[in-house]
Structure formats: C-alpha cells, structure tokens
Amino acid sequence: MSVQDLKEKIADITPDVVSAIDSTKSAHHRIDEFKRDVCWTIGMSTTLVGIFASILTWALGR
C-alpha cells in the first residue's frame, strides 16, 4: 500500500471521525444534564422526607 493510498483512506474517514467526536461531545452534555436532574430530584426527595419525618415526630410527640 502506497503513501498516497493511505492519505486517501485518511481523507475518506476524516468526516466520520469528526462526526463521531461531535456525537460523543453531545452525549456527554446530555449525560451531564441527566446527572444534574437526578441529583436535584434525589436532593428534593430527601428534603421532603426529612420535613415529613420532622412533622410526624412533632405530631406524635404531643
């Protein structure tokens, strides 16, 4: 295989490589957004359970 053949193959696959890199970046951003949403949901759920437990403990202690 000649150097020219290799250059042509590299030129042929370059758009696919660029597309794959862009797709990976996009997926990374979606994963970050999902992670943020999940962490927010878990935090809010924990807070609400804590508030409910405090109110229940106060009500039962009366």
C-alpha atoms as a PDB file:
ATOM      1  CA  MET A   1       0.000   0.000   0.000  1.00  0.00           C
ATOM      2  CA  SER A   2       1.428   3.336  -1.003  1.00  0.00           C
ATOM      3  CA  VAL A   3       1.557   6.542   0.962  1.00  0.00           C
ATOM      4  CA  GLN A   4      -0.925   8.079  -1.469  1.00  0.00           C
ATOM      5  CA  ASP A   5      -3.391   5.244  -0.796  1.00  0.00           C
ATOM      6  CA  LEU A   6      -3.058   5.842   2.947  1.00  0.00           C
ATOM      7  CA  LYS A   7      -3.623   9.579   2.508  1.00  0.00           C
ATOM      8  CA  GLU A   8      -6.785   8.871   0.517  1.00  0.00           C
ATOM      9  CA  LYS A   9      -8.083   6.469   3.164  1.00  0.00           C
ATOM     10  CA  ILE A  10      -7.389   9.018   5.885  1.00  0.00           C
ATOM     11  CA  ALA A  11      -9.198  11.686   3.863  1.00  0.00           C
ATOM     12  CA  ASP A  12     -12.137   9.307   3.414  1.00  0.00           C
ATOM     13  CA  ILE A  13     -12.535   8.503   7.113  1.00  0.00           C
ATOM     14  CA  THR A  14     -11.859  12.010   8.473  1.00  0.00           C
ATOM     15  CA  PRO A  15     -15.528  13.151   8.205  1.00  0.00           C
ATOM     16  CA  ASP A  16     -16.636  10.019  10.074  1.00  0.00           C
ATOM     17  CA  VAL A  17     -14.103  10.653  12.826  1.00  0.00           C
ATOM     18  CA  VAL A  18     -15.214  14.278  13.182  1.00  0.00           C
ATOM     19  CA  SER A  19     -18.848  13.159  13.294  1.00  0.00           C
ATOM     20  CA  ALA A  20     -18.075  10.576  15.985  1.00  0.00           C
ATOM     21  CA  ILE A  21     -16.264  13.169  18.112  1.00  0.00           C
ATOM     22  CA  ASP A  22     -19.174  15.610  17.802  1.00  0.00           C
ATOM     23  CA  SER A  23     -21.636  12.863  18.726  1.00  0.00           C
ATOM     24  CA  THR A  24     -19.562  11.969  21.786  1.00  0.00           C
ATOM     25  CA  LYS A  25     -19.500  15.586  22.947  1.00  0.00           C
ATOM     26  CA  SER A  26     -23.263  15.823  22.527  1.00  0.00           C
ATOM     27  CA  ALA A  27     -23.806  12.627  24.508  1.00  0.00           C
ATOM     28  CA  HIS A  28     -21.522  13.913  27.254  1.00  0.00           C
ATOM     29  CA  HIS A  29     -23.641  17.061  27.604  1.00  0.00           C
ATOM     30  CA  ARG A  30     -26.850  15.010  27.748  1.00  0.00           C
ATOM     31  CA  ILE A  31     -25.355  12.785  30.451  1.00  0.00           C
ATOM     32  CA  ASP A  32     -24.313  15.854  32.479  1.00  0.00           C
ATOM     33  CA  GLU A  33     -27.837  17.277  32.243  1.00  0.00           C
ATOM     34  CA  PHE A  34     -29.352  13.944  33.263  1.00  0.00           C
ATOM     35  CA  LYS A  35     -26.961  13.668  36.209  1.00  0.00           C
ATOM     36  CA  ARG A  36     -27.883  17.189  37.355  1.00  0.00           C
ATOM     37  CA  ASP A  37     -31.595  16.390  37.134  1.00  0.00           C
ATOM     38  CA  VAL A  38     -31.220  13.117  39.041  1.00  0.00           C
ATOM     39  CA  CYS A  39     -29.159  14.758  41.790  1.00  0.00           C
ATOM     40  CA  TRP A  40     -31.734  17.557  42.119  1.00  0.00           C
ATOM     41  CA  THR A  41     -34.587  15.032  42.333  1.00  0.00           C
ATOM     42  CA  ILE A  42     -32.804  12.948  44.967  1.00  0.00           C
ATOM     43  CA  GLY A  43     -31.966  16.059  46.980  1.00  0.00           C
ATOM     44  CA  MET A  44     -35.543  17.349  46.897  1.00  0.00           C
ATOM     45  CA  SER A  45     -36.951  13.924  47.778  1.00  0.00           C
ATOM     46  CA  THR A  46     -34.605  13.633  50.751  1.00  0.00           C
ATOM     47  CA  THR A  47     -35.549  17.108  51.930  1.00  0.00           C
ATOM     48  CA  LEU A  48     -39.264  16.386  51.676  1.00  0.00           C
ATOM     49  CA  VAL A  49     -38.926  13.084  53.525  1.00  0.00           C
ATOM     50  CA  GLY A  50     -36.953  14.872  56.258  1.00  0.00           C
ATOM     51  CA  ILE A  51     -39.614  17.564  56.608  1.00  0.00           C
ATOM     52  CA  PHE A  52     -42.372  14.947  56.723  1.00  0.00           C
ATOM     53  CA  ALA A  53     -40.472  12.921  59.345  1.00  0.00           C
ATOM     54  CA  SER A  54     -39.965  16.046  61.464  1.00  0.00           C
ATOM     55  CA  ILE A  55     -43.653  16.962  61.299  1.00  0.00           C
ATOM     56  CA  LEU A  56     -44.696  13.376  62.065  1.00  0.00           C
ATOM     57  CA  THR A  57     -42.307  13.189  65.030  1.00  0.00           C
ATOM     58  CA  TRP A  58     -43.597  16.524  66.348  1.00  0.00           C
ATOM     59  CA  ALA A  59     -47.246  15.451  65.912  1.00  0.00           C
ATOM     60  CA  LEU A  60     -46.744  12.080  67.620  1.00  0.00           C
ATOM     61  CA  GLY A  61     -44.807  13.678  70.476  1.00  0.00           C
ATOM     62  CA  ARG A  62     -47.668  15.953  71.503  1.00  0.00           C
END
